[in-house]
N, C-alpha and C. Protein backbone atom coordinates (compact mmCIF):
# COMPACT_ATOMS: atom_id res chain seq x y z
N MET A 1 43.11 89.78 98.95
CA MET A 1 43.48 88.41 98.94
C MET A 1 43.71 88.21 97.72
N LYS A 2 44.69 86.90 97.50
CA LYS A 2 45.24 86.35 96.22
C LYS A 2 43.94 85.04 95.64
N ARG A 3 43.50 85.22 94.32
CA ARG A 3 42.37 84.11 94.13
C ARG A 3 42.97 83.17 92.85
N TYR A 4 42.65 81.89 93.26
CA TYR A 4 43.61 81.15 92.54
C TYR A 4 42.33 79.96 91.52
N PRO A 5 42.64 79.88 90.38
CA PRO A 5 41.32 79.42 89.57
C PRO A 5 41.58 77.74 90.09
N ILE A 6 40.63 77.17 89.64
CA ILE A 6 40.09 76.03 89.85
C ILE A 6 40.18 74.96 88.63
N TYR A 7 40.97 74.15 88.92
CA TYR A 7 40.83 73.29 87.27
C TYR A 7 39.99 72.05 87.87
N ARG A 8 38.79 72.34 87.37
CA ARG A 8 38.11 70.89 87.29
C ARG A 8 38.36 69.65 86.27
N GLY A 9 38.11 68.27 86.83
CA GLY A 9 38.46 67.51 85.99
C GLY A 9 39.89 67.11 85.88
N VAL A 10 40.74 67.63 86.70
CA VAL A 10 42.11 66.90 86.81
C VAL A 10 42.50 65.49 86.88
N ASP A 11 41.67 65.15 87.47
CA ASP A 11 41.38 63.53 87.81
C ASP A 11 40.89 62.54 86.94
N ASN A 12 40.10 63.57 85.84
CA ASN A 12 39.64 62.53 84.72
C ASN A 12 40.54 61.99 84.14
N GLU A 13 40.15 60.54 83.37
CA GLU A 13 41.28 59.94 82.71
C GLU A 13 41.60 60.57 81.03
N ILE A 14 42.25 60.26 80.68
CA ILE A 14 42.51 60.92 79.09
C ILE A 14 41.30 60.01 78.18
N GLU A 15 41.07 60.80 77.18
CA GLU A 15 39.54 60.48 76.52
C GLU A 15 40.21 60.98 74.86
N PHE A 16 40.04 60.14 74.32
CA PHE A 16 40.07 60.37 72.42
C PHE A 16 39.48 59.46 71.63
N LYS A 17 38.29 60.05 70.82
CA LYS A 17 37.42 59.44 69.96
C LYS A 17 37.17 57.98 70.72
N GLY A 18 36.83 58.29 72.08
CA GLY A 18 35.87 56.67 72.33
C GLY A 18 37.10 56.40 72.91
N LEU A 19 38.06 56.28 72.94
CA LEU A 19 39.37 55.47 73.86
C LEU A 19 39.42 56.03 75.04
N ARG A 20 39.35 55.54 76.23
CA ARG A 20 39.65 56.23 77.67
C ARG A 20 40.58 54.69 78.12
N GLY A 21 41.58 56.15 78.93
CA GLY A 21 42.46 55.07 80.01
C GLY A 21 43.50 54.60 79.40
N ARG A 22 43.75 53.22 79.89
CA ARG A 22 44.81 52.52 79.68
C ARG A 22 44.40 52.02 78.11
N TYR A 23 43.17 52.12 77.65
CA TYR A 23 42.92 51.66 76.23
C TYR A 23 43.62 52.77 74.90
N PHE A 24 43.51 54.12 75.58
CA PHE A 24 44.07 54.72 74.65
C PHE A 24 45.21 54.98 74.52
N TYR A 25 46.17 54.53 75.98
CA TYR A 25 47.80 54.16 75.81
C TYR A 25 47.97 53.27 75.15
N TYR A 26 47.27 52.00 75.10
CA TYR A 26 47.52 50.54 74.03
C TYR A 26 47.68 51.30 72.99
N ALA A 27 46.97 52.04 72.59
CA ALA A 27 46.50 52.47 70.77
C ALA A 27 47.67 53.00 70.45
N VAL A 28 47.87 53.97 71.51
CA VAL A 28 48.96 54.80 71.04
C VAL A 28 50.43 53.95 71.02
N GLY A 29 50.38 53.59 72.03
CA GLY A 29 51.71 52.32 72.05
C GLY A 29 51.73 51.39 70.86
N GLY A 30 50.69 50.69 70.31
CA GLY A 30 50.60 50.02 69.31
C GLY A 30 50.88 51.02 67.74
N GLY A 31 50.64 52.13 68.24
CA GLY A 31 50.91 53.03 66.47
C GLY A 31 52.41 53.44 66.80
N VAL A 32 52.66 53.84 67.99
CA VAL A 32 54.41 54.20 67.73
C VAL A 32 55.18 53.00 67.42
N GLY A 33 54.90 51.70 67.95
CA GLY A 33 55.73 50.54 67.82
C GLY A 33 55.54 50.05 66.19
N CYS A 34 54.22 50.33 65.49
CA CYS A 34 53.89 49.86 64.59
C CYS A 34 55.05 50.99 63.16
N ILE A 35 54.81 52.05 63.84
CA ILE A 35 55.84 53.15 63.17
C ILE A 35 57.37 52.79 62.74
N MET A 36 57.93 52.47 64.17
CA MET A 36 59.15 52.27 64.42
C MET A 36 59.39 50.91 63.59
N THR A 37 58.32 50.01 63.34
CA THR A 37 58.81 48.73 62.81
C THR A 37 58.81 48.94 61.39
N ALA A 38 57.82 50.41 61.19
CA ALA A 38 57.84 50.33 59.70
C ALA A 38 59.51 50.97 58.93
N LEU A 39 59.83 51.84 60.01
CA LEU A 39 61.06 52.80 59.78
C LEU A 39 62.12 51.70 59.78
N PHE A 40 62.46 50.45 60.51
CA PHE A 40 63.20 49.69 60.54
C PHE A 40 63.04 48.82 59.64
N LEU A 41 62.16 48.26 59.18
CA LEU A 41 62.18 47.51 57.67
C LEU A 41 62.35 48.42 56.52
N HIS A 42 62.28 49.88 56.45
CA HIS A 42 62.87 50.30 55.55
C HIS A 42 64.10 50.43 55.37
N ILE A 43 64.60 50.50 56.55
CA ILE A 43 66.56 50.54 56.56
C ILE A 43 67.02 49.21 56.60
N LEU A 44 66.34 48.19 56.75
CA LEU A 44 66.37 46.81 56.13
C LEU A 44 66.15 46.32 54.39
N GLY A 45 65.37 47.64 53.90
CA GLY A 45 65.49 47.19 52.53
C GLY A 45 64.59 46.69 52.09
N VAL A 46 63.39 46.67 52.95
CA VAL A 46 61.84 45.57 52.56
C VAL A 46 61.23 46.66 51.52
N PRO A 47 60.82 45.99 50.32
CA PRO A 47 60.15 46.93 49.59
C PRO A 47 59.33 47.77 50.17
N ILE A 48 58.79 49.02 49.61
CA ILE A 48 58.12 49.88 50.23
C ILE A 48 56.46 49.44 49.93
N LEU A 49 56.02 48.90 49.07
CA LEU A 49 54.40 48.31 49.22
C LEU A 49 54.35 47.71 50.45
N LEU A 50 55.27 46.55 50.32
CA LEU A 50 54.80 45.57 51.29
C LEU A 50 55.13 46.01 52.82
N ASN A 51 56.09 46.90 52.97
CA ASN A 51 56.01 48.04 54.13
C ASN A 51 54.74 48.85 54.73
N LEU A 52 54.40 49.43 53.64
CA LEU A 52 53.00 49.93 53.86
C LEU A 52 51.87 49.48 54.29
N PHE A 53 51.87 47.80 53.49
CA PHE A 53 51.07 47.21 54.09
C PHE A 53 50.81 47.00 55.49
N PHE A 54 52.12 46.30 55.63
CA PHE A 54 52.75 46.44 57.69
C PHE A 54 52.10 47.52 58.06
N LEU A 55 52.39 48.75 57.71
CA LEU A 55 52.09 49.89 58.42
C LEU A 55 50.75 50.17 58.93
N VAL A 56 50.24 50.06 57.35
CA VAL A 56 48.46 50.14 57.43
C VAL A 56 47.86 49.19 58.35
N ALA A 57 48.24 48.23 58.51
CA ALA A 57 47.60 46.50 59.02
C ALA A 57 48.11 46.99 60.66
N GLY A 58 49.12 47.49 60.57
CA GLY A 58 49.30 47.29 62.49
C GLY A 58 48.66 48.52 62.55
N LEU A 59 48.62 49.51 62.00
CA LEU A 59 47.95 50.90 62.84
C LEU A 59 46.68 50.55 62.64
N LEU A 60 45.83 50.00 62.01
CA LEU A 60 44.55 49.64 61.88
C LEU A 60 44.16 48.51 62.98
N ALA A 61 45.34 47.47 63.16
CA ALA A 61 44.94 46.98 64.72
C ALA A 61 44.92 47.18 65.84
N SER A 62 46.09 48.47 65.97
CA SER A 62 46.61 48.71 67.03
C SER A 62 45.14 49.58 67.61
N TYR A 63 44.46 50.11 66.44
CA TYR A 63 43.27 51.25 66.88
C TYR A 63 42.01 50.01 67.29
N LEU A 64 41.55 48.80 66.28
CA LEU A 64 40.67 48.38 66.31
C LEU A 64 40.61 47.45 67.29
N ILE A 65 41.67 47.06 67.88
CA ILE A 65 41.57 46.21 68.78
C ILE A 65 41.17 46.85 70.35
N PRO A 66 42.03 47.67 70.63
CA PRO A 66 41.82 48.66 72.16
C PRO A 66 40.29 49.27 72.00
N THR A 67 39.73 49.55 70.90
CA THR A 67 38.14 50.35 70.66
C THR A 67 37.16 48.91 71.01
N THR A 68 37.65 47.71 70.80
CA THR A 68 36.65 46.41 70.87
C THR A 68 36.43 46.29 71.98
N TYR A 69 38.10 46.35 73.00
CA TYR A 69 38.09 45.98 73.97
C TYR A 69 37.39 46.73 75.12
N ASN A 70 37.42 47.92 74.64
CA ASN A 70 36.79 49.19 75.20
C ASN A 70 35.35 48.97 75.24
N LYS A 71 34.93 48.86 74.38
CA LYS A 71 33.05 48.32 73.91
C LYS A 71 32.96 47.38 74.91
N SER A 72 33.35 46.26 74.92
CA SER A 72 33.12 45.02 75.37
C SER A 72 33.23 44.83 76.50
N HIS A 73 34.59 45.53 77.31
CA HIS A 73 34.58 45.21 78.55
C HIS A 73 34.67 46.29 79.43
N GLY A 74 34.39 47.56 78.91
CA GLY A 74 34.44 48.55 79.60
C GLY A 74 35.30 49.49 80.08
N ARG A 75 35.52 50.28 81.53
CA ARG A 75 36.39 51.21 81.74
C ARG A 75 37.58 50.21 82.51
N TRP A 76 36.86 48.98 83.16
CA TRP A 76 37.78 48.22 83.92
C TRP A 76 37.90 47.17 83.50
N GLY A 77 37.59 46.77 82.20
CA GLY A 77 37.81 45.21 81.44
C GLY A 77 39.00 44.71 82.28
N PHE A 78 40.39 44.93 81.85
CA PHE A 78 41.36 44.12 82.29
C PHE A 78 41.49 43.81 83.20
N ASP A 79 41.13 44.60 84.46
CA ASP A 79 41.43 44.02 85.90
C ASP A 79 40.35 42.99 86.32
N LYS A 80 39.02 43.24 85.52
CA LYS A 80 37.88 42.24 85.83
C LYS A 80 38.09 40.75 85.09
N LEU A 81 39.01 41.10 84.20
CA LEU A 81 39.21 39.57 83.47
C LEU A 81 40.19 38.76 84.11
N SER A 82 41.38 39.69 84.65
CA SER A 82 41.99 38.83 85.52
C SER A 82 41.90 38.50 86.48
N VAL A 83 41.02 39.38 87.71
CA VAL A 83 40.30 38.71 88.49
C VAL A 83 39.55 37.63 88.46
N GLN A 84 38.76 37.60 87.73
CA GLN A 84 37.72 36.60 86.99
C GLN A 84 38.62 35.03 87.04
N ARG A 85 40.12 35.32 86.33
CA ARG A 85 40.80 34.26 86.35
C ARG A 85 41.16 33.59 87.30
N LEU A 86 41.44 34.27 88.20
CA LEU A 86 42.05 33.72 89.79
C LEU A 86 40.97 33.19 90.50
N GLN A 87 39.67 33.71 90.71
CA GLN A 87 38.37 33.15 91.28
C GLN A 87 38.23 31.59 90.59
N PRO A 88 37.78 30.70 91.80
CA PRO A 88 37.77 29.34 91.41
C PRO A 88 36.32 29.37 90.94
N ARG A 89 36.24 27.72 90.03
CA ARG A 89 35.15 27.84 89.06
C ARG A 89 33.77 26.96 89.87
N TYR A 90 34.60 26.28 90.58
CA TYR A 90 33.76 25.28 91.60
C TYR A 90 34.31 25.05 92.80
N VAL A 91 33.75 25.26 94.13
CA VAL A 91 34.46 24.42 95.35
C VAL A 91 33.69 22.91 95.82
N VAL A 92 34.88 22.19 95.88
CA VAL A 92 34.98 21.00 96.55
C VAL A 92 35.10 20.64 98.06
N ARG A 93 34.34 19.84 98.49
CA ARG A 93 34.52 19.41 99.77
C ARG A 93 34.31 18.10 99.93
N TYR A 94 35.13 17.82 100.31
CA TYR A 94 35.76 16.31 100.69
C TYR A 94 35.24 15.27 101.80
N GLN A 95 34.19 16.16 102.75
CA GLN A 95 33.83 15.74 103.66
C GLN A 95 32.07 15.69 103.59
N SER A 96 31.65 14.35 103.57
CA SER A 96 30.17 14.42 103.80
C SER A 96 29.39 15.24 104.56
N ILE A 97 28.10 15.79 104.21
CA ILE A 97 27.46 16.54 105.06
C ILE A 97 26.61 15.89 106.68
N ARG A 98 26.84 14.50 106.28
CA ARG A 98 26.23 13.69 107.66
C ARG A 98 27.64 14.10 108.40
N SER A 99 29.16 13.94 108.43
CA SER A 99 30.13 13.92 108.67
C SER A 99 30.39 15.12 109.36
N LEU A 100 29.91 16.28 108.70
CA LEU A 100 29.84 17.83 108.98
C LEU A 100 28.71 17.97 110.28
N LEU A 101 27.99 17.35 109.97
CA LEU A 101 26.90 17.64 111.18
C LEU A 101 27.04 16.88 112.69
N LYS A 102 27.84 15.63 112.26
CA LYS A 102 27.93 14.81 113.49
C LYS A 102 29.29 15.75 114.17
N ASN A 103 30.11 16.02 113.29
CA ASN A 103 31.28 17.00 114.11
C ASN A 103 31.04 17.89 114.74
N ARG A 104 29.66 18.95 114.26
CA ARG A 104 29.01 19.98 114.74
C ARG A 104 28.26 19.60 116.20
N VAL A 105 27.68 18.59 116.15
CA VAL A 105 26.89 18.16 117.20
C VAL A 105 27.74 17.70 118.34
N ARG A 106 29.06 16.73 117.72
CA ARG A 106 29.86 16.75 119.18
C ARG A 106 30.78 18.19 119.64
N ALA A 107 31.13 19.25 119.00
CA ALA A 107 31.53 20.26 119.13
C ALA A 107 30.65 21.31 120.09
N HIS A 108 29.25 21.04 119.82
CA HIS A 108 28.07 21.46 120.65
C HIS A 108 27.69 21.10 121.77
N LYS A 109 28.47 19.68 122.06
CA LYS A 109 28.01 18.78 123.42
C LYS A 109 29.23 19.31 124.13
N ASN A 110 30.11 19.59 123.69
CA ASN A 110 31.52 19.41 124.22
C ASN A 110 31.27 20.80 124.80
N ASN A 111 31.10 21.93 124.50
CA ASN A 111 30.97 23.45 124.70
C ASN A 111 29.77 23.76 125.55
N PRO A 112 29.20 23.72 126.58
CA PRO A 112 27.98 24.42 126.84
C PRO A 112 27.89 25.66 126.89
């Protein structure tokens, strides 16, 4: 009988230095974008010190922003934030409680 190895943790999300899942992808995407921007600025002839400043600032921001979101909101933070924006802040009722009770009493009398 042939045996196959069992790979445990295949469904787990990727994690690197505390960044999990989509936060890791955001950090990597920001880092690659900063490097490409620095290369483009170098081709345009921007002075090297200014170019390095933008590169370091961009890389630092692309790492720090996802880590702060990861720490403050957790694994499903962005999903929760978008759902919270969709929820109503308060419920408005245009009828008074008396009129609601009168309508309920009338409906109850008509349906024995």
